[in-house]
Amino acid sequence: MECNVGMTEQKLRVLAGLAIIGMGAYYNIKGLSLLGAIPIVTGMLRYCPINHAIGYNGCIGEQHRVKSAVL
């Protein structure tokens, strides 16, 4: 899996996922809480199959930072 979620998008995905989980917990909707896990997982993995399917890559220009952080 190649990175296709940029750093800004990653942060937004995690925050949105937490907000969705919070709304699901507040309104006692388990399905909504489970749905909130999807943006969190895609944000943490920095890979989104939907981005891949449409050809979007938010990591362009960030490859040098990602490689240096891993090494």
PDB file of N, CA and C in Angstrom:
ATOM      1  N   MET A   1       0.845  -1.177   0.000  1.00  0.00           N
ATOM      2  CA  MET A   1       0.000   0.000   0.000  1.00  0.00           C
ATOM      3  C   MET A   1       0.891   1.240   0.000  1.00  0.00           C
ATOM      4  N   GLU A   2       0.669   2.046  -0.973  1.00  0.00           N
ATOM      5  CA  GLU A   2       1.432   3.273  -1.104  1.00  0.00           C
ATOM      6  C   GLU A   2       0.632   4.427  -0.490  1.00  0.00           C
ATOM      7  N   CYS A   3       1.320   5.343   0.132  1.00  0.00           N
ATOM      8  CA  CYS A   3       0.678   6.493   0.757  1.00  0.00           C
ATOM      9  C   CYS A   3      -0.113   7.294  -0.287  1.00  0.00           C
ATOM     10  N   ASN A   4      -1.392   7.562   0.001  1.00  0.00           N
ATOM     11  CA  ASN A   4      -2.170   8.437  -0.866  1.00  0.00           C
ATOM     12  C   ASN A   4      -3.035   9.406  -0.058  1.00  0.00           C
ATOM     13  N   VAL A   5      -2.741   9.524   1.238  1.00  0.00           N
ATOM     14  CA  VAL A   5      -3.433  10.467   2.114  1.00  0.00           C
ATOM     15  C   VAL A   5      -2.373  11.402   2.694  1.00  0.00           C
ATOM     16  N   GLY A   6      -2.492  12.681   2.405  1.00  0.00           N
ATOM     17  CA  GLY A   6      -1.518  13.662   2.884  1.00  0.00           C
ATOM     18  C   GLY A   6      -1.652  13.924   4.379  1.00  0.00           C
ATOM     19  N   MET A   7      -0.705  14.647   4.932  1.00  0.00           N
ATOM     20  CA  MET A   7      -0.676  14.918   6.373  1.00  0.00           C
ATOM     21  C   MET A   7      -1.891  15.726   6.830  1.00  0.00           C
ATOM     22  N   THR A   8      -2.255  16.764   6.088  1.00  0.00           N
ATOM     23  CA  THR A   8      -3.417  17.569   6.460  1.00  0.00           C
ATOM     24  C   THR A   8      -4.688  16.738   6.371  1.00  0.00           C
ATOM     25  N   GLU A   9      -4.807  15.966   5.299  1.00  0.00           N
ATOM     26  CA  GLU A   9      -5.974  15.095   5.137  1.00  0.00           C
ATOM     27  C   GLU A   9      -6.017  14.041   6.234  1.00  0.00           C
ATOM     28  N   GLN A  10      -4.857  13.555   6.650  1.00  0.00           N
ATOM     29  CA  GLN A  10      -4.790  12.566   7.723  1.00  0.00           C
ATOM     30  C   GLN A  10      -5.376  13.135   9.014  1.00  0.00           C
ATOM     31  N   LYS A  11      -4.967  14.333   9.353  1.00  0.00           N
ATOM     32  CA  LYS A  11      -5.465  14.963  10.580  1.00  0.00           C
ATOM     33  C   LYS A  11      -6.963  15.216  10.504  1.00  0.00           C
ATOM     34  N   LEU A  12      -7.436  15.659   9.349  1.00  0.00           N
ATOM     35  CA  LEU A  12      -8.868  15.903   9.181  1.00  0.00           C
ATOM     36  C   LEU A  12      -9.668  14.609   9.263  1.00  0.00           C
ATOM     37  N   ARG A  13      -9.144  13.543   8.699  1.00  0.00           N
ATOM     38  CA  ARG A  13      -9.836  12.250   8.743  1.00  0.00           C
ATOM     39  C   ARG A  13      -9.957  11.757  10.183  1.00  0.00           C
ATOM     40  N   VAL A  14      -8.883  11.844  10.935  1.00  0.00           N
ATOM     41  CA  VAL A  14      -8.922  11.363  12.322  1.00  0.00           C
ATOM     42  C   VAL A  14      -9.891  12.202  13.148  1.00  0.00           C
ATOM     43  N   LEU A  15      -9.848  13.519  12.990  1.00  0.00           N
ATOM     44  CA  LEU A  15     -10.782  14.375  13.727  1.00  0.00           C
ATOM     45  C   LEU A  15     -12.226  14.122  13.325  1.00  0.00           C
ATOM     46  N   ALA A  16     -12.471  13.937  12.029  1.00  0.00           N
ATOM     47  CA  ALA A  16     -13.830  13.647  11.566  1.00  0.00           C
ATOM     48  C   ALA A  16     -14.304  12.305  12.109  1.00  0.00           C
ATOM     49  N   GLY A  17     -13.431  11.313  12.115  1.00  0.00           N
ATOM     50  CA  GLY A  17     -13.790  10.004  12.654  1.00  0.00           C
ATOM     51  C   GLY A  17     -14.134  10.071  14.128  1.00  0.00           C
ATOM     52  N   LEU A  18     -13.358  10.840  14.883  1.00  0.00           N
ATOM     53  CA  LEU A  18     -13.653  11.005  16.307  1.00  0.00           C
ATOM     54  C   LEU A  18     -14.974  11.730  16.517  1.00  0.00           C
ATOM     55  N   ALA A  19     -15.257  12.715  15.671  1.00  0.00           N
ATOM     56  CA  ALA A  19     -16.528  13.435  15.777  1.00  0.00           C
ATOM     57  C   ALA A  19     -17.700  12.515  15.453  1.00  0.00           C
ATOM     58  N   ILE A  20     -17.551  11.672  14.444  1.00  0.00           N
ATOM     59  CA  ILE A  20     -18.612  10.736  14.076  1.00  0.00           C
ATOM     60  C   ILE A  20     -18.848   9.728  15.198  1.00  0.00           C
ATOM     61  N   ILE A  21     -17.767   9.225  15.786  1.00  0.00           N
ATOM     62  CA  ILE A  21     -17.901   8.292  16.909  1.00  0.00           C
ATOM     63  C   ILE A  21     -18.578   8.975  18.094  1.00  0.00           C
ATOM     64  N   GLY A  22     -18.197  10.222  18.343  1.00  0.00           N
ATOM     65  CA  GLY A  22     -18.818  10.973  19.433  1.00  0.00           C
ATOM     66  C   GLY A  22     -20.305  11.178  19.214  1.00  0.00           C
ATOM     67  N   MET A  23     -20.695  11.486  17.979  1.00  0.00           N
ATOM     68  CA  MET A  23     -22.118  11.653  17.685  1.00  0.00           C
ATOM     69  C   MET A  23     -22.860  10.334  17.842  1.00  0.00           C
ATOM     70  N   GLY A  24     -22.247   9.253  17.404  1.00  0.00           N
ATOM     71  CA  GLY A  24     -22.865   7.942  17.552  1.00  0.00           C
ATOM     72  C   GLY A  24     -23.046   7.562  19.008  1.00  0.00           C
ATOM     73  N   ALA A  25     -22.059   7.900  19.832  1.00  0.00           N
ATOM     74  CA  ALA A  25     -22.162   7.608  21.260  1.00  0.00           C
ATOM     75  C   ALA A  25     -23.219   8.500  21.920  1.00  0.00           C
ATOM     76  N   TYR A  26     -23.266   9.757  21.533  1.00  0.00           N
ATOM     77  CA  TYR A  26     -24.226  10.688  22.126  1.00  0.00           C
ATOM     78  C   TYR A  26     -25.666  10.294  21.812  1.00  0.00           C
ATOM     79  N   TYR A  27     -25.913   9.936  20.541  1.00  0.00           N
ATOM     80  CA  TYR A  27     -27.270   9.578  20.122  1.00  0.00           C
ATOM     81  C   TYR A  27     -27.541   8.071  20.243  1.00  0.00           C
ATOM     82  N   ASN A  28     -26.571   7.322  20.789  1.00  0.00           N
ATOM     83  CA  ASN A  28     -26.695   5.885  21.009  1.00  0.00           C
ATOM     84  C   ASN A  28     -26.998   5.133  19.700  1.00  0.00           C
ATOM     85  N   ILE A  29     -26.223   5.454  18.666  1.00  0.00           N
ATOM     86  CA  ILE A  29     -26.357   4.784  17.367  1.00  0.00           C
ATOM     87  C   ILE A  29     -25.054   4.017  17.122  1.00  0.00           C
ATOM     88  N   LYS A  30     -25.101   2.718  17.317  1.00  0.00           N
ATOM     89  CA  LYS A  30     -23.892   1.894  17.208  1.00  0.00           C
ATOM     90  C   LYS A  30     -23.329   1.887  15.793  1.00  0.00           C
ATOM     91  N   GLY A  31     -24.208   1.871  14.804  1.00  0.00           N
ATOM     92  CA  GLY A  31     -23.747   1.860  13.417  1.00  0.00           C
ATOM     93  C   GLY A  31     -22.946   3.100  13.061  1.00  0.00           C
ATOM     94  N   LEU A  32     -23.371   4.234  13.590  1.00  0.00           N
ATOM     95  CA  LEU A  32     -22.655   5.488  13.333  1.00  0.00           C
ATOM     96  C   LEU A  32     -21.279   5.457  13.997  1.00  0.00           C
ATOM     97  N   SER A  33     -21.217   4.877  15.175  1.00  0.00           N
ATOM     98  CA  SER A  33     -19.932   4.759  15.856  1.00  0.00           C
ATOM     99  C   SER A  33     -18.978   3.855  15.082  1.00  0.00           C
ATOM    100  N   LEU A  34     -19.491   2.774  14.539  1.00  0.00           N
ATOM    101  CA  LEU A  34     -18.653   1.891  13.727  1.00  0.00           C
ATOM    102  C   LEU A  34     -18.210   2.578  12.444  1.00  0.00           C
ATOM    103  N   LEU A  35     -19.087   3.370  11.867  1.00  0.00           N
ATOM    104  CA  LEU A  35     -18.760   4.099  10.642  1.00  0.00           C
ATOM    105  C   LEU A  35     -17.632   5.105  10.888  1.00  0.00           C
ATOM    106  N   GLY A  36     -17.550   5.656  12.077  1.00  0.00           N
ATOM    107  CA  GLY A  36     -16.494   6.614  12.412  1.00  0.00           C
ATOM    108  C   GLY A  36     -15.114   6.005  12.452  1.00  0.00           C
ATOM    109  N   ALA A  37     -15.034   4.690  12.579  1.00  0.00           N
ATOM    110  CA  ALA A  37     -13.732   4.023  12.613  1.00  0.00           C
ATOM    111  C   ALA A  37     -13.061   4.031  11.237  1.00  0.00           C
ATOM    112  N   ILE A  38     -13.845   4.110  10.183  1.00  0.00           N
ATOM    113  CA  ILE A  38     -13.275   4.053   8.827  1.00  0.00           C
ATOM    114  C   ILE A  38     -12.334   5.228   8.548  1.00  0.00           C
ATOM    115  N   PRO A  39     -12.758   6.489   8.772  1.00  0.00           N
ATOM    116  CA  PRO A  39     -11.801   7.572   8.506  1.00  0.00           C
ATOM    117  C   PRO A  39     -10.599   7.555   9.444  1.00  0.00           C
ATOM    118  N   ILE A  40     -10.769   7.045  10.651  1.00  0.00           N
ATOM    119  CA  ILE A  40      -9.633   6.957  11.570  1.00  0.00           C
ATOM    120  C   ILE A  40      -8.609   5.958  11.043  1.00  0.00           C
ATOM    121  N   VAL A  41      -9.071   4.796  10.612  1.00  0.00           N
ATOM    122  CA  VAL A  41      -8.158   3.766  10.102  1.00  0.00           C
ATOM    123  C   VAL A  41      -7.474   4.237   8.822  1.00  0.00           C
ATOM    124  N   THR A  42      -8.227   4.828   7.894  1.00  0.00           N
ATOM    125  CA  THR A  42      -7.606   5.290   6.654  1.00  0.00           C
ATOM    126  C   THR A  42      -6.636   6.441   6.920  1.00  0.00           C
ATOM    127  N   GLY A  43      -6.929   7.257   7.915  1.00  0.00           N
ATOM    128  CA  GLY A  43      -6.014   8.340   8.262  1.00  0.00           C
ATOM    129  C   GLY A  43      -4.734   7.818   8.890  1.00  0.00           C
ATOM    130  N   MET A  44      -4.853   6.851   9.776  1.00  0.00           N
ATOM    131  CA  MET A  44      -3.670   6.328  10.442  1.00  0.00           C
ATOM    132  C   MET A  44      -2.798   5.501   9.495  1.00  0.00           C
ATOM    133  N   LEU A  45      -3.416   4.782   8.572  1.00  0.00           N
ATOM    134  CA  LEU A  45      -2.650   4.008   7.591  1.00  0.00           C
ATOM    135  C   LEU A  45      -2.123   4.883   6.458  1.00  0.00           C
ATOM    136  N   ARG A  46      -2.727   6.055   6.295  1.00  0.00           N
ATOM    137  CA  ARG A  46      -2.410   6.987   5.218  1.00  0.00           C
ATOM    138  C   ARG A  46      -2.633   6.351   3.850  1.00  0.00           C
ATOM    139  N   TYR A  47      -3.601   5.462   3.791  1.00  0.00           N
ATOM    140  CA  TYR A  47      -3.999   4.825   2.543  1.00  0.00           C
ATOM    141  C   TYR A  47      -5.516   4.742   2.512  1.00  0.00           C
ATOM    142  N   CYS A  48      -6.102   5.166   1.397  1.00  0.00           N
ATOM    143  CA  CYS A  48      -7.550   5.109   1.224  1.00  0.00           C
ATOM    144  C   CYS A  48      -7.843   4.435  -0.107  1.00  0.00           C
ATOM    145  N   PRO A  49      -8.584   3.328  -0.096  1.00  0.00           N
ATOM    146  CA  PRO A  49      -8.883   2.652  -1.354  1.00  0.00           C
ATOM    147  C   PRO A  49      -9.738   3.498  -2.297  1.00  0.00           C
ATOM    148  N   ILE A  50     -10.554   4.388  -1.766  1.00  0.00           N
ATOM    149  CA  ILE A  50     -11.359   5.262  -2.628  1.00  0.00           C
ATOM    150  C   ILE A  50     -10.456   6.263  -3.339  1.00  0.00           C
ATOM    151  N   ASN A  51      -9.490   6.841  -2.618  1.00  0.00           N
ATOM    152  CA  ASN A  51      -8.522   7.731  -3.260  1.00  0.00           C
ATOM    153  C   ASN A  51      -7.771   6.989  -4.365  1.00  0.00           C
ATOM    154  N   HIS A  52      -7.411   5.765  -4.098  1.00  0.00           N
ATOM    155  CA  HIS A  52      -6.696   4.962  -5.094  1.00  0.00           C
ATOM    156  C   HIS A  52      -7.571   4.718  -6.320  1.00  0.00           C
ATOM    157  N   ALA A  53      -8.847   4.426  -6.103  1.00  0.00           N
ATOM    158  CA  ALA A  53      -9.765   4.126  -7.212  1.00  0.00           C
ATOM    159  C   ALA A  53      -9.976   5.334  -8.125  1.00  0.00           C
ATOM    160  N   ILE A  54     -10.011   6.534  -7.542  1.00  0.00           N
ATOM    161  CA  ILE A  54     -10.231   7.726  -8.367  1.00  0.00           C
ATOM    162  C   ILE A  54      -8.927   8.357  -8.851  1.00  0.00           C
ATOM    163  N   GLY A  55      -7.797   7.830  -8.392  1.00  0.00           N
ATOM    164  CA  GLY A  55      -6.507   8.318  -8.865  1.00  0.00           C
ATOM    165  C   GLY A  55      -5.980   9.525  -8.111  1.00  0.00           C
ATOM    166  N   TYR A  56      -6.504   9.789  -6.928  1.00  0.00           N
ATOM    167  CA  TYR A  56      -6.050  10.931  -6.136  1.00  0.00           C
ATOM    168  C   TYR A  56      -4.898  10.505  -5.234  1.00  0.00           C
ATOM    169  N   ASN A  57      -3.855  11.336  -5.165  1.00  0.00           N
ATOM    170  CA  ASN A  57      -2.729  11.061  -4.289  1.00  0.00           C
ATOM    171  C   ASN A  57      -2.362  12.345  -3.554  1.00  0.00           C
ATOM    172  N   GLY A  58      -2.680  12.404  -2.276  1.00  0.00           N
ATOM    173  CA  GLY A  58      -2.378  13.575  -1.464  1.00  0.00           C
ATOM    174  C   GLY A  58      -0.965  13.596  -0.942  1.00  0.00           C
ATOM    175  N   CYS A  59      -0.196  12.545  -1.176  1.00  0.00           N
ATOM    176  CA  CYS A  59       1.178  12.450  -0.672  1.00  0.00           C
ATOM    177  C   CYS A  59       2.204  13.001  -1.643  1.00  0.00           C
ATOM    178  N   ILE A  60       1.783  13.448  -2.811  1.00  0.00           N
ATOM    179  CA  ILE A  60       2.739  13.979  -3.779  1.00  0.00           C
ATOM    180  C   ILE A  60       3.426  15.198  -3.169  1.00  0.00           C
ATOM    181  N   GLY A  61       4.741  15.185  -3.175  1.00  0.00           N
ATOM    182  CA  GLY A  61       5.518  16.265  -2.590  1.00  0.00           C
ATOM    183  C   GLY A  61       5.860  16.015  -1.132  1.00  0.00           C
ATOM    184  N   GLU A  62       5.286  14.995  -0.517  1.00  0.00           N
ATOM    185  CA  GLU A  62       5.579  14.673   0.873  1.00  0.00           C
ATOM    186  C   GLU A  62       6.435  13.419   0.997  1.00  0.00           C
ATOM    187  N   GLN A  63       6.803  12.803  -0.104  1.00  0.00           N
ATOM    188  CA  GLN A  63       7.516  11.532  -0.061  1.00  0.00           C
ATOM    189  C   GLN A  63       8.838  11.639   0.690  1.00  0.00           C
ATOM    190  N   HIS A  64       9.555  12.746   0.521  1.00  0.00           N
ATOM    191  CA  HIS A  64      10.834  12.860   1.216  1.00  0.00           C
ATOM    192  C   HIS A  64      10.644  12.934   2.723  1.00  0.00           C
ATOM    193  N   ARG A  65       9.566  13.561   3.184  1.00  0.00           N
ATOM    194  CA  ARG A  65       9.306  13.632   4.627  1.00  0.00           C
ATOM    195  C   ARG A  65       8.881  12.273   5.173  1.00  0.00           C
ATOM    196  N   VAL A  66       8.100  11.546   4.432  1.00  0.00           N
ATOM    197  CA  VAL A  66       7.640  10.235   4.887  1.00  0.00           C
ATOM    198  C   VAL A  66       8.811   9.274   4.983  1.00  0.00           C
ATOM    199  N   LYS A  67       9.687   9.270   3.968  1.00  0.00           N
ATOM    200  CA  LYS A  67      10.830   8.372   3.981  1.00  0.00           C
ATOM    201  C   LYS A  67      11.782   8.706   5.122  1.00  0.00           C
ATOM    202  N   SER A  68      12.032   9.990   5.387  1.00  0.00           N
ATOM    203  CA  SER A  68      12.956  10.354   6.440  1.00  0.00           C
ATOM    204  C   SER A  68      12.369  10.039   7.821  1.00  0.00           C
ATOM    205  N   ALA A  69      11.052  10.088   7.946  1.00  0.00           N
ATOM    206  CA  ALA A  69      10.416   9.780   9.222  1.00  0.00           C
ATOM    207  C   ALA A  69      10.473   8.279   9.500  1.00  0.00           C
ATOM    208  N   VAL A  70      10.412   7.473   8.455  1.00  0.00           N
ATOM    209  CA  VAL A  70      10.442   6.022   8.630  1.00  0.00           C
ATOM    210  C   VAL A  70      11.861   5.557   8.915  1.00  0.00           C
ATOM    211  N   LEU A  71      12.822   6.150   8.235  1.00  0.00           N
ATOM    212  CA  LEU A  71      14.215   5.744   8.423  1.00  0.00           C
ATOM    213  C   LEU A  71      14.725   6.393   9.665  1.00  0.00           C
TER     214      LEU A  71
END
